[in-house]
Amino acid sequence: MLAIVHAFLFLIYAGLALAVAILLPTWVRAVGDVEALLAGGLLFLFAALLHEMLSRVVRHGALLERLDAQRRRMAEQEDELSWTRRELKVVREVLEQVARQGPVGEDDRIKEVMAELHVLKTLVTRLSEAEEERVGEPLVRGPVPLTVRPRREEPLPAAETPRLAEVREALRNDRVELVLQPIVTLPQRKQFSFECYSRLVTPEGDRLTPDQYLEIAESAGLITAIDNMLLFRCIQLVRRIERKGRPHDFFCNISPRTLADAEFFDDFIGFLESNRDLAGHLIFELSQAHYAGLGEDEVERLQRLTALGCRLSLDRLEKIEFDIGALAALGVRYVKVDLGRVTDGETEDCIRDFQYLSSRLRAHEIELIVGKIEQEDQLLELLDYGAEMGQGYLFGSPKAAKQAA
């Protein structure tokens, strides 16, 4: 078809040039035959050069499209190869475990892990597709940073660009590390549960803590992916620890963005429905400000979680006057308050506020957890207040999930 178009264009400008060479002397009497032939030749050369330029532009565009398609295919093949390697690694680990422990339940174990891999692969693929649809170009591994989500009117400052590329690269290649910090009962300091955080691992092996990446991930629209990956990591950890016969409860932050992500949340609920034994060990946290801004859809999704056996926690308490009954009805079983909120101000006021809050929470079967306890004198002061649960560096610093487990 393209050859026919080029032939048609050639015939048009060749015919025009021939017409000029033949008819120009009759149109302009002052022009002789030689001048007419020269004018026709010049017209033909000009049209031929223009035709060649346009042909090169068309061929260049077609070549770029072919290169773009090739890059897409290469990226897809790299993804498939990466996931094939992961799946083979999982199968090998399962077979090694079967060899150590006996053949009982190996099929179920393989199915469980493969189901987890499928959910994780779907999550990462959805992140890639969302980026690809938004920017109109493929995601290809390499030194070129991916375009952020959502699109910004102005580029990020140069100092932030490497960090943003590290965040996206860690998400793209499933390098989200689960970190745990213990929560203890007081005064015995007996380990009660863990709070889950996330760290991103760079290609060089460095760990990015939330204070290093949250702000830039928030501005780039990547925080939902991190939240979702953290939830999935927590599920994997609960399963591993429960299989060892040492079940624990885990506090896991769930952001309003995750609640608003209906597609992922439906997948996550479906996963929990198939693993109801895990749901009872999960406690999902939202800040007091986020609870206050929940809409009907978000409340309905939280109710779906609690119906499966999950519990809820209110984090970052700022105002002690709030509707405790409504939260208890929703499924909130824990309230977290930072140490500074308890001890700042006049001592008598602090004691009165703390005891007032504690008594109201106990009346609704909600437990109060005091966080950011770092020194022994702070703990002694809290014990005078009657605190029963605590969290902070005094009881244990955040550790990678494998170490904590």
Protein backbone atom coordinates (compact mmCIF):
# COMPACT_ATOMS: atom_id res chain seq x y z
CA MET A 1 0.00 0.00 0.00
CA LEU A 2 2.81 2.41 0.89
CA ALA A 3 4.59 1.65 -2.40
CA ILE A 4 1.42 2.50 -4.33
CA VAL A 5 1.17 5.86 -2.52
CA HIS A 6 4.79 6.70 -3.34
CA ALA A 7 4.27 5.72 -7.00
CA PHE A 8 1.15 7.86 -7.18
CA LEU A 9 3.01 10.88 -5.73
CA PHE A 10 5.88 10.34 -8.19
CA LEU A 11 3.51 10.32 -11.12
CA ILE A 12 1.87 13.52 -9.92
CA TYR A 13 5.01 15.65 -9.59
CA ALA A 14 6.65 14.06 -12.67
CA GLY A 15 3.55 14.92 -14.70
CA LEU A 16 3.55 18.47 -13.38
CA ALA A 17 7.22 18.89 -14.24
CA LEU A 18 6.62 17.52 -17.76
CA ALA A 19 3.62 19.82 -18.22
CA VAL A 20 5.72 22.82 -17.20
CA ALA A 21 8.51 21.84 -19.61
CA ILE A 22 6.08 21.48 -22.53
CA LEU A 23 3.47 24.15 -21.89
CA LEU A 24 5.46 26.96 -20.23
CA PRO A 25 6.54 28.54 -23.62
CA THR A 26 2.91 28.74 -24.66
CA TRP A 27 1.92 30.30 -21.31
CA VAL A 28 4.79 32.79 -21.17
CA ARG A 29 5.96 33.93 -24.64
CA ALA A 30 9.24 35.31 -23.31
CA VAL A 31 10.29 31.82 -22.13
CA GLY A 32 12.00 29.64 -24.67
CA ASP A 33 12.11 25.88 -24.90
CA VAL A 34 15.44 25.59 -23.05
CA GLU A 35 14.24 27.70 -20.16
CA ALA A 36 11.01 25.65 -20.02
CA LEU A 37 12.98 22.39 -19.84
CA LEU A 38 15.17 23.85 -17.09
CA ALA A 39 12.12 25.00 -15.10
CA GLY A 40 10.48 21.58 -15.45
CA GLY A 41 13.70 19.87 -14.34
CA LEU A 42 14.05 22.13 -11.29
CA LEU A 43 10.41 21.50 -10.34
CA PHE A 44 10.97 17.76 -10.66
CA LEU A 45 14.14 17.86 -8.49
CA PHE A 46 12.46 20.00 -5.81
CA ALA A 47 9.44 17.68 -5.67
CA ALA A 48 11.69 14.60 -5.59
CA LEU A 49 13.72 16.02 -2.68
CA LEU A 50 10.53 16.87 -0.80
CA HIS A 51 9.21 13.37 -1.50
CA GLU A 52 12.44 11.84 -0.15
CA MET A 53 12.26 13.97 3.03
CA LEU A 54 8.68 12.91 3.69
CA SER A 55 9.57 9.27 3.02
CA ARG A 56 12.42 9.45 5.56
CA VAL A 57 10.09 10.95 8.18
CA VAL A 58 7.56 8.16 7.62
CA ARG A 59 10.24 5.46 7.77
CA HIS A 60 11.72 7.01 10.92
CA GLY A 61 8.32 7.01 12.62
CA ALA A 62 7.70 3.39 11.65
CA LEU A 63 11.14 2.43 12.96
CA LEU A 64 10.47 4.15 16.27
CA GLU A 65 7.19 2.27 16.59
CA ARG A 66 8.94 -1.03 15.90
CA LEU A 67 11.64 -0.21 18.47
CA ASP A 68 8.98 0.73 21.01
CA ALA A 69 7.14 -2.54 20.40
CA GLN A 70 10.41 -4.42 20.76
CA ARG A 71 11.13 -2.70 24.07
CA ARG A 72 7.69 -3.68 25.30
CA ARG A 73 8.23 -7.30 24.35
CA MET A 74 11.64 -7.31 26.02
CA ALA A 75 10.17 -5.86 29.23
CA GLU A 76 7.41 -8.49 29.23
CA GLN A 77 9.94 -11.26 28.68
CA GLU A 78 12.13 -9.95 31.50
CA ASP A 79 9.12 -9.91 33.81
CA GLU A 80 8.15 -13.45 32.86
CA LEU A 81 11.72 -14.66 33.35
CA SER A 82 11.94 -12.94 36.74
CA TRP A 83 8.68 -14.47 37.98
CA THR A 84 9.62 -17.89 36.61
CA ARG A 85 12.84 -17.75 38.61
CA ARG A 86 10.94 -16.75 41.74
CA GLU A 87 8.42 -19.55 41.31
CA LEU A 88 11.19 -22.10 40.77
CA LYS A 89 12.93 -20.82 43.89
CA VAL A 90 9.73 -21.21 45.92
CA VAL A 91 9.17 -24.74 44.62
CA ARG A 92 12.76 -25.63 45.51
CA GLU A 93 12.34 -24.24 49.04
CA VAL A 94 9.11 -26.17 49.50
CA LEU A 95 10.71 -29.40 48.28
CA GLU A 96 13.62 -28.86 50.66
CA GLN A 97 11.17 -28.31 53.50
CA VAL A 98 9.30 -31.48 52.52
CA ALA A 99 12.58 -33.40 52.52
CA ARG A 100 13.26 -32.23 56.08
CA GLN A 101 9.77 -32.57 57.54
CA GLY A 102 8.22 -35.39 55.52
CA PRO A 103 5.77 -35.46 52.63
CA VAL A 104 2.66 -34.47 54.55
CA GLY A 105 0.82 -31.56 52.96
CA GLU A 106 3.40 -30.67 50.32
CA ASP A 107 0.74 -30.14 47.64
CA ASP A 108 -1.20 -27.75 49.87
CA ARG A 109 1.99 -25.89 50.75
CA ILE A 110 2.94 -25.43 47.10
CA LYS A 111 -0.58 -24.25 46.28
CA GLU A 112 -0.51 -21.74 49.16
CA VAL A 113 2.79 -20.21 48.13
CA MET A 114 1.85 -20.15 44.46
CA ALA A 115 -1.38 -18.36 45.37
CA GLU A 116 0.66 -15.76 47.27
CA LEU A 117 3.00 -15.35 44.31
CA HIS A 118 0.00 -14.88 42.04
CA VAL A 119 -1.43 -12.10 44.24
CA LEU A 120 1.96 -10.41 44.46
CA LYS A 121 2.53 -10.68 40.72
CA THR A 122 -0.92 -9.23 40.06
CA LEU A 123 -0.15 -6.32 42.40
CA VAL A 124 3.16 -5.45 40.73
CA THR A 125 1.67 -5.92 37.25
CA ARG A 126 -1.22 -3.59 38.10
CA LEU A 127 1.26 -0.97 39.24
CA SER A 128 3.15 -1.33 35.93
CA GLU A 129 -0.03 -1.16 33.85
CA ALA A 130 -1.25 1.94 35.70
CA GLU A 131 2.07 3.68 34.99
CA GLU A 132 2.06 2.52 31.36
CA GLU A 133 -1.50 3.68 30.67
CA ARG A 134 -0.80 7.05 32.23
CA VAL A 135 2.39 7.95 30.42
CA GLY A 136 1.79 6.01 27.18
CA GLU A 137 5.18 4.30 27.17
CA PRO A 138 6.48 0.94 28.41
CA LEU A 139 8.20 0.33 31.70
CA VAL A 140 11.69 -0.87 30.91
CA ARG A 141 14.31 -1.69 33.51
CA GLY A 142 17.43 0.38 33.27
CA PRO A 143 18.96 3.63 34.43
CA VAL A 144 16.16 5.76 32.97
CA PRO A 145 13.73 6.61 35.81
CA LEU A 146 10.05 5.83 35.29
CA THR A 147 7.55 8.67 35.06
CA VAL A 148 5.83 9.31 38.38
CA ARG A 149 2.14 9.02 39.19
CA PRO A 150 0.18 11.27 39.11
CA ARG A 151 1.70 13.55 36.46
CA ARG A 152 3.20 16.73 37.91
CA GLU A 153 3.09 20.07 36.14
CA GLU A 154 6.71 20.74 37.20
CA PRO A 155 9.56 18.21 37.38
CA LEU A 156 10.83 17.04 40.72
CA PRO A 157 13.91 18.80 42.06
CA ALA A 158 17.10 17.19 40.82
CA ALA A 159 18.10 16.18 44.37
CA GLU A 160 14.93 14.09 44.69
CA THR A 161 15.14 12.31 41.36
CA PRO A 162 17.59 9.55 42.40
CA ARG A 163 15.55 8.76 45.50
CA LEU A 164 12.33 8.59 43.51
CA ALA A 165 13.99 6.27 41.01
CA GLU A 166 15.11 4.07 43.94
CA VAL A 167 11.57 3.93 45.30
CA ARG A 168 10.08 2.95 41.96
CA GLU A 169 12.84 0.45 41.25
CA ALA A 170 12.27 -1.22 44.64
CA LEU A 171 8.54 -1.50 43.99
CA ARG A 172 9.01 -2.68 40.42
CA ASN A 173 11.34 -5.47 41.53
CA ASP A 174 9.48 -6.47 44.70
CA ARG A 175 12.09 -5.24 47.18
CA VAL A 176 9.75 -4.16 49.97
CA GLU A 177 11.01 -5.39 53.32
CA LEU A 178 8.76 -5.95 56.32
CA VAL A 179 10.02 -4.53 59.63
CA LEU A 180 8.56 -5.33 63.05
CA GLN A 181 8.57 -3.57 66.42
CA PRO A 182 7.23 -5.35 69.52
CA ILE A 183 4.28 -4.21 71.61
CA VAL A 184 4.41 -5.41 75.23
CA THR A 185 2.15 -5.73 78.24
CA LEU A 186 3.03 -3.69 81.32
CA PRO A 187 4.59 -3.94 83.81
CA GLN A 188 5.72 -7.48 82.85
CA ARG A 189 7.08 -6.36 79.45
CA LYS A 190 5.75 -9.56 77.95
CA GLN A 191 5.65 -9.47 74.17
CA PHE A 192 2.05 -9.13 73.06
CA SER A 193 2.18 -8.35 69.35
CA PHE A 194 4.18 -6.58 66.62
CA GLU A 195 3.65 -3.42 64.64
CA CYS A 196 4.58 -3.71 60.96
CA TYR A 197 6.50 -1.12 58.99
CA SER A 198 8.01 -1.19 55.52
CA ARG A 199 11.52 -0.50 54.26
CA LEU A 200 12.57 -0.33 50.64
CA VAL A 201 15.80 -2.03 49.58
CA THR A 202 17.94 -0.32 46.93
CA PRO A 203 19.97 -2.30 44.34
CA GLU A 204 23.06 -1.57 46.45
CA GLY A 205 21.41 -3.18 49.49
CA ASP A 206 20.71 0.05 51.40
CA ARG A 207 17.50 0.24 53.44
CA LEU A 208 15.21 3.24 52.98
CA THR A 209 13.14 3.92 56.11
CA PRO A 210 9.66 5.50 55.90
CA ASP A 211 10.98 8.95 56.84
CA GLN A 212 13.30 8.75 53.82
CA TYR A 213 10.75 7.77 51.18
CA LEU A 214 7.20 8.48 52.38
CA GLU A 215 7.08 12.13 51.35
CA ILE A 216 8.43 11.55 47.86
CA ALA A 217 6.31 8.41 47.41
CA GLU A 218 3.26 10.41 48.48
CA SER A 219 3.95 13.18 45.94
CA ALA A 220 4.61 10.61 43.21
CA GLY A 221 1.40 8.68 43.84
CA LEU A 222 3.24 5.49 44.80
CA ILE A 223 2.18 5.26 48.44
CA THR A 224 -0.77 3.00 47.63
CA ALA A 225 1.53 0.44 46.06
CA ILE A 226 3.74 0.49 49.16
CA ASP A 227 0.72 0.09 51.45
CA ASN A 228 -0.58 -2.80 49.39
CA MET A 229 2.79 -4.52 49.32
CA LEU A 230 3.10 -4.11 53.11
CA LEU A 231 -0.27 -5.78 53.64
CA PHE A 232 0.75 -8.70 51.50
CA ARG A 233 4.11 -9.06 53.26
CA CYS A 234 2.29 -9.10 56.60
CA ILE A 235 0.03 -11.92 55.40
CA GLN A 236 3.06 -13.95 54.36
CA LEU A 237 4.70 -13.42 57.75
CA VAL A 238 1.60 -14.42 59.71
CA ARG A 239 1.43 -17.66 57.76
CA ARG A 240 5.10 -18.50 58.35
CA ILE A 241 4.95 -17.83 62.09
CA GLU A 242 1.65 -19.61 62.54
CA ARG A 243 3.05 -22.68 60.79
CA LYS A 244 5.85 -22.75 63.36
CA GLY A 245 3.28 -22.93 66.14
CA ARG A 246 4.01 -19.47 67.57
CA PRO A 247 1.06 -17.32 66.46
CA HIS A 248 1.24 -13.58 67.10
CA ASP A 249 -0.93 -10.62 66.30
CA PHE A 250 0.30 -7.94 63.90
CA PHE A 251 -0.65 -4.27 63.67
CA CYS A 252 -0.57 -3.12 60.06
CA ASN A 253 -1.32 0.38 58.80
CA ILE A 254 -4.00 0.64 56.16
CA SER A 255 -4.25 4.02 54.47
CA PRO A 256 -7.37 5.72 53.11
CA ARG A 257 -5.89 5.24 49.63
CA THR A 258 -5.85 1.49 50.11
CA LEU A 259 -9.45 1.55 51.33
CA ALA A 260 -10.36 3.62 48.28
CA ASP A 261 -8.63 1.17 45.92
CA ALA A 262 -11.69 -1.01 45.33
CA GLU A 263 -10.00 -3.39 42.90
CA PHE A 264 -7.07 -4.25 45.16
CA PHE A 265 -9.24 -4.35 48.28
CA ASP A 266 -11.64 -6.82 46.68
CA ASP A 267 -8.68 -9.04 45.77
CA PHE A 268 -7.31 -8.74 49.29
CA ILE A 269 -10.67 -9.61 50.86
CA GLY A 270 -10.93 -12.60 48.55
CA PHE A 271 -7.50 -13.74 49.67
CA LEU A 272 -8.46 -13.43 53.35
CA GLU A 273 -11.72 -15.28 52.76
CA SER A 274 -9.65 -18.21 51.56
CA ASN A 275 -7.36 -17.88 54.59
CA ARG A 276 -9.70 -17.06 57.46
CA ASP A 277 -7.27 -18.56 59.97
CA LEU A 278 -4.90 -15.66 59.21
CA ALA A 279 -7.48 -12.89 59.57
CA GLY A 280 -7.71 -13.28 63.34
CA HIS A 281 -4.05 -12.30 63.72
CA LEU A 282 -4.34 -9.04 61.76
CA ILE A 283 -5.08 -5.65 63.34
CA PHE A 284 -5.47 -2.81 60.86
CA GLU A 285 -4.58 0.72 61.93
CA LEU A 286 -5.93 4.08 60.85
CA SER A 287 -5.14 7.45 62.37
CA GLN A 288 -7.77 9.36 64.29
CA ALA A 289 -7.90 11.97 61.51
CA HIS A 290 -8.46 9.26 58.89
CA TYR A 291 -11.24 7.63 60.90
CA ALA A 292 -12.98 10.99 61.08
CA GLY A 293 -12.88 11.31 57.28
CA LEU A 294 -14.14 7.85 56.35
CA GLY A 295 -16.92 7.67 53.80
CA GLU A 296 -19.63 5.05 53.44
CA ASP A 297 -17.60 2.89 51.05
CA GLU A 298 -14.56 2.90 53.33
CA VAL A 299 -16.67 2.02 56.38
CA GLU A 300 -18.26 -0.85 54.45
CA ARG A 301 -14.81 -2.21 53.54
CA LEU A 302 -13.65 -2.05 57.15
CA GLN A 303 -16.79 -3.94 58.14
CA ARG A 304 -15.90 -6.63 55.60
CA LEU A 305 -12.51 -6.98 57.30
CA THR A 306 -13.96 -7.28 60.79
CA ALA A 307 -16.55 -9.79 59.54
CA LEU A 308 -13.63 -12.04 58.60
CA GLY A 309 -12.19 -11.80 62.13
CA CYS A 310 -9.76 -8.90 61.70
CA ARG A 311 -9.60 -6.20 64.35
CA LEU A 312 -9.07 -2.46 64.04
CA SER A 313 -6.89 0.05 65.85
CA LEU A 314 -7.02 3.83 66.12
CA ASP A 315 -3.54 5.35 65.82
CA ARG A 316 -2.07 8.81 66.44
CA LEU A 317 -4.67 9.91 68.94
CA GLU A 318 -4.81 13.70 69.31
CA LYS A 319 -8.23 14.44 70.80
CA ILE A 320 -9.41 12.45 73.81
CA GLU A 321 -13.03 13.47 73.20
CA PHE A 322 -14.41 11.25 70.44
CA ASP A 323 -17.23 8.80 69.84
CA ILE A 324 -15.74 5.66 71.37
CA GLY A 325 -19.00 3.75 71.05
CA ALA A 326 -19.13 4.22 67.29
CA LEU A 327 -15.55 3.03 66.90
CA ALA A 328 -16.18 0.02 69.10
CA ALA A 329 -19.21 -0.88 66.99
CA LEU A 330 -17.04 -0.64 63.88
CA GLY A 331 -14.56 -3.13 65.34
CA VAL A 332 -11.88 -0.96 66.93
CA ARG A 333 -10.24 -2.90 69.77
CA TYR A 334 -7.10 -0.82 70.37
CA VAL A 335 -6.26 2.87 70.63
CA LYS A 336 -2.68 4.13 70.36
CA VAL A 337 -1.43 7.36 71.87
CA ASP A 338 2.13 8.70 71.77
CA LEU A 339 3.97 9.23 75.02
CA GLY A 340 4.23 12.97 74.42
CA ARG A 341 0.43 13.27 74.30
CA VAL A 342 0.23 11.62 77.72
CA THR A 343 3.07 13.39 79.55
CA ASP A 344 3.06 16.92 78.07
CA GLY A 345 1.48 19.62 80.19
CA GLU A 346 0.65 19.73 83.89
CA THR A 347 1.09 16.43 85.69
CA GLU A 348 -2.33 16.43 87.29
CA ASP A 349 -4.01 17.22 83.98
CA CYS A 350 -2.10 14.41 82.28
CA ILE A 351 -3.05 11.89 84.93
CA ARG A 352 -6.67 12.98 84.85
CA ASP A 353 -6.86 12.86 81.04
CA PHE A 354 -5.13 9.49 80.88
CA GLN A 355 -7.33 7.91 83.53
CA TYR A 356 -10.45 9.42 81.97
CA LEU A 357 -9.54 8.02 78.55
CA SER A 358 -8.55 4.63 79.96
CA SER A 359 -11.81 4.21 81.86
CA ARG A 360 -13.91 5.13 78.81
CA LEU A 361 -11.99 2.71 76.60
CA ARG A 362 -12.24 -0.13 79.12
CA ALA A 363 -16.00 0.39 79.27
CA HIS A 364 -16.10 -0.47 75.55
CA GLU A 365 -13.52 -3.29 75.80
CA ILE A 366 -10.87 -1.25 73.98
CA GLU A 367 -7.24 -1.43 75.13
CA LEU A 368 -4.93 1.60 75.25
CA ILE A 369 -1.34 1.34 73.96
CA VAL A 370 1.22 4.06 74.75
CA GLY A 371 3.92 4.44 72.08
CA LYS A 372 7.38 6.00 71.76
CA ILE A 373 8.60 4.87 75.19
CA GLU A 374 12.40 5.12 75.11
CA GLN A 375 13.63 5.50 78.70
CA GLU A 376 13.10 3.77 82.04
CA ASP A 377 11.99 6.95 83.82
CA GLN A 378 9.29 7.44 81.18
CA LEU A 379 8.06 3.92 81.82
CA LEU A 380 7.97 4.44 85.59
CA GLU A 381 5.88 7.56 85.08
CA LEU A 382 3.46 5.67 82.87
CA LEU A 383 3.13 2.87 85.39
CA ASP A 384 2.09 5.49 87.92
CA TYR A 385 -0.66 6.45 85.48
CA GLY A 386 -1.77 2.83 85.23
CA ALA A 387 -0.65 2.11 81.64
CA GLU A 388 -1.07 -1.55 80.67
CA MET A 389 0.49 -1.77 77.18
CA GLY A 390 3.49 -0.02 75.66
CA GLN A 391 5.66 0.27 72.57
CA GLY A 392 8.99 1.93 71.88
CA TYR A 393 12.75 1.52 71.65
CA LEU A 394 12.90 0.65 75.34
CA PHE A 395 11.21 -2.67 74.56
CA GLY A 396 12.78 -3.28 71.16
CA SER A 397 13.83 -1.41 68.05
CA PRO A 398 12.31 -2.19 64.64
CA LYS A 399 13.90 -5.27 63.10
CA ALA A 400 13.58 -7.06 59.79
CA ALA A 401 10.80 -9.63 59.89
CA LYS A 402 13.13 -12.63 59.68
CA GLN A 403 15.15 -11.41 62.68
CA ALA A 404 12.05 -10.58 64.72
CA ALA A 405 10.41 -13.89 63.89
